[in-house]
Protein backbone atom coordinates (compact mmCIF):
# COMPACT_ATOMS: atom_id res chain seq x y z
CA MET A 1 -16.28 15.02 96.48
CA TYR A 2 -17.19 17.16 93.55
CA SER A 3 -20.28 19.16 94.33
CA PHE A 4 -23.56 19.61 92.52
CA LYS A 5 -22.15 22.63 90.71
CA ARG A 6 -19.23 20.59 89.46
CA SER A 7 -21.45 17.63 88.60
CA TYR A 8 -23.86 19.69 86.47
CA LEU A 9 -21.02 21.01 84.38
CA ALA A 10 -19.36 17.62 84.23
CA GLY A 11 -22.55 15.87 83.18
CA LEU A 12 -23.05 18.12 80.17
CA THR A 13 -19.41 18.23 79.16
CA ALA A 14 -19.05 14.46 79.35
CA VAL A 15 -21.18 13.88 76.27
CA LEU A 16 -18.42 15.40 74.18
CA ALA A 17 -16.30 12.38 75.00
CA VAL A 18 -18.52 9.94 73.14
CA GLY A 19 -16.88 9.10 69.86
CA ILE A 20 -13.69 11.04 70.55
CA THR A 21 -10.83 8.98 69.14
CA ALA A 22 -8.34 11.61 67.98
CA CYS A 23 -5.71 10.42 70.44
CA ALA A 24 -6.23 6.73 69.83
CA ASP A 25 -2.80 6.40 68.23
CA LEU A 26 -1.23 7.65 71.46
CA LEU A 27 -3.49 6.01 74.04
CA ASP A 28 -6.13 3.46 73.11
CA PRO A 29 -9.28 4.22 75.12
CA GLU A 30 -10.50 0.69 74.34
CA ASP A 31 -7.96 -0.68 76.83
CA PRO A 32 -9.25 -0.59 80.44
CA GLY A 33 -7.26 1.68 82.70
CA ASN A 34 -5.79 3.97 80.06
CA LEU A 35 -7.98 7.06 80.30
CA VAL A 36 -9.37 6.39 83.77
CA PRO A 37 -8.81 3.64 86.34
CA ALA A 38 -10.38 0.25 85.70
CA THR A 39 -13.62 -0.62 87.49
CA VAL A 40 -14.35 -3.69 89.62
CA GLU A 41 -15.39 -5.50 86.45
CA GLU A 42 -11.96 -4.96 84.92
CA ASP A 43 -9.67 -5.23 87.96
CA ALA A 44 -10.10 -8.30 90.12
CA THR A 45 -7.86 -6.87 92.87
CA LEU A 46 -10.29 -4.11 93.84
CA PRO A 47 -12.33 -4.57 97.04
CA ARG A 48 -15.99 -5.06 96.22
CA ILE A 49 -19.39 -6.16 97.37
CA ARG A 50 -22.30 -7.50 95.36
CA ILE A 51 -25.86 -6.31 95.70
CA PRO A 52 -28.69 -7.22 93.32
CA GLY A 53 -27.89 -6.06 89.81
CA THR A 54 -24.44 -4.60 90.33
CA ILE A 55 -20.95 -4.83 91.80
CA LEU A 56 -19.83 -1.98 94.01
CA HIS A 57 -16.32 -0.85 94.86
CA SER A 58 -16.42 -0.83 98.64
CA GLU A 59 -14.35 -1.35 101.78
CA ALA A 60 -14.86 -1.05 105.51
CA PHE A 61 -12.52 -0.40 108.43
CA GLY A 62 -12.78 -1.38 112.07
CA ASP A 63 -14.54 -4.14 113.99
CA PRO A 64 -17.65 -5.23 112.06
CA THR A 65 -19.59 -5.51 115.32
CA ASP A 66 -18.93 -1.90 116.37
CA PRO A 67 -21.43 0.93 115.77
CA MET A 68 -21.46 1.70 112.06
CA ILE A 69 -20.62 4.95 110.31
CA MET A 70 -21.93 4.91 106.75
CA VAL A 71 -20.02 7.38 104.54
CA LEU A 72 -21.85 8.76 101.49
CA HIS A 73 -19.82 10.55 98.84
CA GLY A 74 -20.81 13.47 96.65
CA GLY A 75 -21.73 13.95 93.02
CA PRO A 76 -23.95 12.39 91.98
CA GLY A 77 -21.21 10.47 90.23
CA ALA A 78 -18.12 11.12 92.36
CA ASP A 79 -16.26 8.59 94.54
CA TYR A 80 -15.16 8.14 98.14
CA ARG A 81 -11.41 8.59 97.72
CA GLY A 82 -11.38 12.13 99.11
CA LEU A 83 -13.38 11.03 102.16
CA LEU A 84 -10.88 8.42 103.31
CA PRO A 85 -9.57 10.64 106.15
CA LEU A 86 -12.73 9.52 107.94
CA GLN A 87 -11.11 6.10 108.21
CA ALA A 88 -9.54 7.48 111.40
CA LEU A 89 -12.86 6.93 113.15
CA ALA A 90 -12.24 3.18 113.08
CA ALA A 91 -9.60 3.69 115.80
CA ASP A 92 -12.35 5.24 117.95
CA GLY A 93 -14.31 1.99 117.88
CA TYR A 94 -16.55 2.55 114.86
CA TYR A 95 -17.13 0.35 111.83
CA VAL A 96 -16.54 2.82 108.99
CA VAL A 97 -18.04 1.89 105.61
CA PHE A 98 -17.05 3.45 102.28
CA TRP A 99 -18.57 2.62 98.91
CA ASP A 100 -18.72 4.04 95.40
CA GLN A 101 -22.39 4.32 94.55
CA ARG A 102 -23.84 2.45 91.59
CA GLY A 103 -22.17 3.62 88.38
CA THR A 104 -19.68 5.86 90.21
CA GLY A 105 -16.01 5.72 91.13
CA LEU A 106 -14.66 2.24 90.53
CA SER A 107 -18.05 0.52 90.74
CA GLN A 108 -19.63 -1.30 87.81
CA ARG A 109 -20.92 0.85 84.91
CA HIS A 110 -24.43 0.49 83.49
CA ASP A 111 -26.55 1.91 80.70
CA ALA A 112 -28.63 4.88 81.81
CA SER A 113 -31.82 2.81 81.60
CA VAL A 114 -30.71 0.82 84.66
CA TYR A 115 -30.85 3.81 87.01
CA THR A 116 -34.13 4.64 88.73
CA MET A 117 -34.94 6.71 91.79
CA ASP A 118 -36.43 3.76 93.67
CA GLY A 119 -33.47 1.61 92.73
CA TYR A 120 -30.88 4.14 93.84
CA LEU A 121 -32.55 4.55 97.22
CA GLU A 122 -32.75 0.78 97.59
CA ASP A 123 -29.01 0.51 96.92
CA LEU A 124 -28.30 2.43 100.12
CA ARG A 125 -30.55 0.16 102.14
CA LEU A 126 -28.93 -2.94 100.63
CA VAL A 127 -25.40 -1.70 101.37
CA LEU A 128 -26.41 -0.91 104.94
CA GLU A 129 -27.83 -4.41 105.34
CA HIS A 130 -24.80 -6.00 103.68
CA TYR A 131 -22.49 -4.54 106.30
CA THR A 132 -24.83 -5.17 109.24
CA THR A 133 -23.38 -7.92 111.45
CA VAL A 134 -25.30 -7.38 114.71
CA PRO A 135 -29.10 -7.21 115.01
CA GLY A 136 -30.13 -3.59 115.44
CA GLN A 137 -26.56 -2.36 114.80
CA PRO A 138 -26.70 1.45 115.25
CA VAL A 139 -25.69 3.69 112.36
CA VAL A 140 -24.75 7.32 111.79
CA PHE A 141 -24.59 8.72 108.27
CA ILE A 142 -21.79 11.06 107.21
CA GLY A 143 -22.84 12.53 103.87
CA HIS A 144 -20.92 15.06 101.80
CA SER A 145 -22.65 17.31 99.24
CA TRP A 146 -24.86 14.96 97.18
CA GLY A 147 -24.16 12.32 99.83
CA ALA A 148 -25.80 14.58 102.42
CA MET A 149 -28.84 14.76 100.16
CA TYR A 150 -28.77 10.97 99.76
CA ALA A 151 -28.76 10.51 103.55
CA THR A 152 -31.68 12.92 103.91
CA TRP A 153 -33.58 11.09 101.17
CA PHE A 154 -33.15 7.83 103.09
CA ILE A 155 -34.19 9.37 106.41
CA ASN A 156 -37.25 10.96 104.81
CA GLU A 157 -38.28 7.54 103.50
CA TYR A 158 -37.30 5.31 106.42
CA GLY A 159 -37.10 7.61 109.45
CA ASP A 160 -34.68 6.17 111.97
CA TYR A 161 -34.99 2.75 110.29
CA GLY A 162 -36.36 0.89 113.27
CA GLY A 163 -34.22 2.86 115.71
CA ARG A 164 -30.97 2.14 113.89
CA ILE A 165 -30.21 5.54 112.29
CA ARG A 166 -29.05 7.43 115.37
CA GLY A 167 -27.98 10.60 113.59
CA ALA A 168 -26.43 12.23 110.55
CA ILE A 169 -23.61 14.63 109.75
CA LEU A 170 -24.51 16.52 106.57
CA SER A 171 -21.72 18.47 104.86
CA GLU A 172 -23.07 21.18 102.56
CA PRO A 173 -26.03 19.46 100.90
CA GLY A 174 -27.33 21.22 97.80
CA ALA A 175 -31.11 20.86 98.14
CA PHE A 176 -33.86 18.66 99.54
CA THR A 177 -36.63 19.62 97.08
CA LYS A 178 -36.94 20.30 93.36
CA GLU A 179 -37.76 23.96 94.06
CA GLN A 180 -34.68 24.36 96.25
CA LEU A 181 -32.52 22.72 93.61
CA ASP A 182 -33.86 24.96 90.84
CA HIS A 183 -33.08 28.01 92.95
CA PHE A 184 -29.66 26.66 93.87
CA VAL A 185 -28.76 26.02 90.23
CA GLU A 186 -30.13 29.38 89.13
CA GLY A 187 -27.87 31.07 91.62
CA LEU A 188 -24.89 29.12 90.31
CA PHE A 189 -25.44 29.48 86.59
CA GLY A 190 -27.85 32.33 86.01
CA SER A 191 -30.27 31.84 83.15
CA ILE A 192 -28.81 28.57 81.85
CA ARG A 193 -31.36 25.85 82.59
CA PHE A 194 -29.26 22.81 83.42
CA LEU A 195 -32.25 20.73 84.43
CA GLY A 196 -34.29 21.47 81.32
CA GLU A 197 -34.50 20.34 77.71
CA GLU A 198 -30.89 21.23 77.00
CA ALA A 199 -29.66 18.82 79.64
CA ASN A 200 -32.12 16.13 78.60
CA ASP A 201 -30.98 16.36 74.98
CA ALA A 202 -27.36 16.06 76.02
CA ILE A 203 -28.06 13.13 78.33
CA TRP A 204 -29.93 11.30 75.55
CA LEU A 205 -26.73 11.13 73.52
CA TYR A 206 -25.07 8.75 75.96
CA ARG A 207 -27.92 6.49 77.06
CA PHE A 208 -26.15 3.40 75.78
CA LEU A 209 -22.37 3.23 75.89
CA SER A 210 -19.73 0.58 75.50
CA PRO A 211 -17.16 0.22 78.32
CA ALA A 212 -14.69 2.30 76.28
CA GLU A 213 -17.28 5.03 75.75
CA HIS A 214 -18.01 5.04 79.46
CA ALA A 215 -14.30 5.61 80.04
CA ARG A 216 -14.20 8.55 77.60
CA ALA A 217 -17.33 10.11 79.13
CA ASP A 218 -15.93 9.72 82.64
CA TYR A 219 -12.60 11.18 81.56
CA MET A 220 -14.24 14.27 80.08
CA ALA A 221 -16.38 14.68 83.20
CA MET A 222 -13.25 14.71 85.32
CA VAL A 223 -11.52 17.23 83.03
CA SER A 224 -14.48 19.59 83.17
CA SER A 225 -14.74 19.38 86.94
CA HIS A 226 -11.45 21.23 87.41
CA ALA A 227 -13.00 24.43 86.06
CA ILE A 228 -15.07 25.01 89.20
CA THR A 229 -13.73 27.76 91.47
CA SER A 230 -16.69 29.19 93.41
CA GLU A 231 -16.47 26.57 96.16
CA HIS A 232 -12.99 27.87 97.00
CA ASN A 233 -11.15 24.60 97.18
CA ASP A 234 -7.45 24.76 98.02
CA PRO A 235 -5.38 24.44 94.81
CA SER A 236 -2.39 23.35 96.89
CA LYS A 237 -4.28 20.29 98.08
CA PRO A 238 -6.19 18.97 95.06
CA LEU A 239 -8.96 16.52 95.77
CA PRO A 240 -7.99 12.95 94.83
CA THR A 241 -10.56 11.10 92.76
CA TRP A 242 -10.56 7.78 90.99
CA ARG A 243 -13.17 8.27 88.32
CA ALA A 244 -16.34 10.25 87.63
CA GLY A 245 -19.66 8.59 86.84
CA ALA A 246 -20.81 10.60 83.84
CA VAL A 247 -23.79 8.46 82.84
CA VAL A 248 -25.32 8.08 86.28
CA ASN A 249 -24.75 11.77 86.90
CA GLY A 250 -26.73 12.69 83.80
CA LYS A 251 -29.50 10.19 84.44
CA LEU A 252 -30.06 11.19 88.06
CA LEU A 253 -30.17 14.86 87.09
CA ASP A 254 -32.72 13.90 84.46
CA LEU A 255 -34.81 12.02 87.03
CA VAL A 256 -34.81 14.72 89.71
CA ASP A 257 -35.98 17.22 87.10
CA GLU A 258 -39.28 15.31 87.19
CA GLY A 259 -39.70 16.56 90.75
CA PHE A 260 -38.73 15.45 94.24
CA ASP A 261 -39.36 16.42 97.84
CA TRP A 262 -37.26 14.74 100.53
CA THR A 263 -38.69 16.82 103.38
CA THR A 264 -42.20 15.34 103.63
CA HIS A 265 -41.46 13.19 106.68
CA LEU A 266 -38.34 14.80 108.14
CA GLN A 267 -40.25 16.41 111.01
CA ALA A 268 -40.82 12.91 112.35
CA TYR A 269 -37.06 12.36 112.64
CA THR A 270 -36.36 13.92 116.03
CA ARG A 271 -32.77 12.77 116.52
CA PRO A 272 -30.07 15.47 116.40
CA VAL A 273 -28.55 16.23 113.00
CA LEU A 274 -25.34 18.19 112.42
CA PHE A 275 -24.75 20.40 109.36
CA LEU A 276 -21.10 21.25 108.67
CA ARG A 277 -19.99 23.93 106.22
CA GLY A 278 -16.86 25.78 105.18
CA ASP A 279 -16.90 29.55 105.52
CA LEU A 280 -15.07 30.13 102.21
CA ASN A 281 -17.74 28.43 100.12
CA THR A 282 -19.84 31.09 98.38
CA VAL A 283 -22.29 28.46 97.13
CA ALA A 284 -23.42 26.72 100.32
CA THR A 285 -23.87 29.91 102.29
CA LEU A 286 -24.99 30.01 105.90
CA SER A 287 -28.48 31.16 104.91
CA HIS A 288 -28.72 28.37 102.36
CA GLN A 289 -27.76 25.73 104.91
CA GLN A 290 -30.15 27.27 107.45
CA GLU A 291 -32.99 26.84 105.00
CA LEU A 292 -32.17 23.16 104.55
CA ALA A 293 -31.59 22.56 108.25
CA SER A 294 -35.05 23.96 109.06
CA SER A 295 -36.58 20.80 107.58
CA TYR A 296 -35.23 18.81 110.54
CA PRO A 297 -36.73 19.40 114.01
CA ASP A 298 -33.34 19.16 115.75
CA ALA A 299 -30.52 20.44 113.54
CA THR A 300 -27.35 22.35 114.40
CA ILE A 301 -25.09 24.17 111.92
CA GLU A 302 -21.39 24.54 112.60
CA THR A 303 -18.87 26.35 110.39
CA ILE A 304 -15.26 25.36 109.83
CA SER A 305 -13.24 28.49 109.16
CA GLY A 306 -10.67 28.90 106.42
CA VAL A 307 -11.91 26.12 104.15
CA GLY A 308 -14.23 25.62 101.18
CA HIS A 309 -16.39 22.73 100.06
CA GLU A 310 -13.83 19.93 100.32
CA MET A 311 -13.43 20.32 104.08
CA ILE A 312 -13.04 16.60 104.78
CA TRP A 313 -10.02 16.31 102.51
CA GLU A 314 -8.45 19.71 103.14
CA ARG A 315 -9.06 20.03 106.88
CA PRO A 316 -9.60 16.48 108.19
CA ALA A 317 -8.39 17.26 111.74
CA ASP A 318 -10.95 20.05 112.15
CA TYR A 319 -13.70 17.97 110.57
CA LEU A 320 -12.97 15.07 112.91
CA ILE A 321 -13.07 17.37 115.95
CA HIS A 322 -16.63 18.39 115.07
CA THR A 323 -17.55 14.81 114.19
CA ARG A 324 -16.29 13.34 117.45
CA ALA A 325 -17.96 16.06 119.50
CA TYR A 326 -21.27 15.35 117.76
CA LEU A 327 -21.00 11.59 118.24
CA GLN A 328 -20.31 12.12 121.92
CA ARG A 329 -23.21 14.56 122.24
CA ILE A 330 -25.73 12.10 120.82
CA GLY A 331 -24.36 9.19 122.86
CA PHE A 332 -23.10 7.27 119.84
CA VAL A 333 -20.26 5.55 121.67
CA GLY A 334 -17.62 3.58 119.79
CA GLY A 335 -16.80 0.02 120.73
CA ALA A 336 -13.29 1.00 121.83
CA SER A 337 -14.61 3.56 124.32
């Protein structure tokens, strides 16, 4: 999904959408589905689940009793559409779960005041439990970009979750600590401080939005995301997305600026972890991923050649080769095997 670099730019640009009505005579942004696709609140045909306080756009593939693969999309604020090639793992005997995180994709929109760090972490636990059908059902996370950070955050908090989290595939995470993130952003944008007062002031402007204003903010976030080139995505195979989550993007960036460290307990997680990266990406370099991988006691880094950040969408066959080899190596056997 769109990366942290894209999401920083999108989060700041999105505020320009609030109050924009110049094209209302051509396309009324008040009508759901005009600027961006309707959410689960507006389209009753969308697959969804309910967890406390929200409705999430979500679907799962495979036998619900098989070992679970929990897919975590990027952003924060992207959606899982570009990760759907991983659905192929259902044919291998895995229960593959996709969901748009709270306030992202086609999930329900909320005011920024709803989002908290504790609440966002709890959402992942609740989704995992929602899809659990067998006591002790084993799980492997596949997280892309921000989703890889999200998976690490959960593992740092819960370890292997009572033996259930058997491993994780982390595709180009941005950072696991506030210091790492500051350095990462500095390398991307130079002296512009995207996690400082400038960002906070911009975020403040869209704390409380109507559904139509959410649509405009999300639309502008998606427009701005196309300006990113340093991750070397293939222009001949553009990443499909439903809708950006501009408000949650801004709020989470605001919250992490207060400080975070998701490495404090990672040394206790001794199960093998796989980092996957594309060799064309000049942002998530090998040395950068090595720094992050060093927080885990048993981590391996593998590089997919000839691809940038959106490796799952652009090179799904290669990604699945690495994924299947890893699952076999850790003994995470699908139900069909």
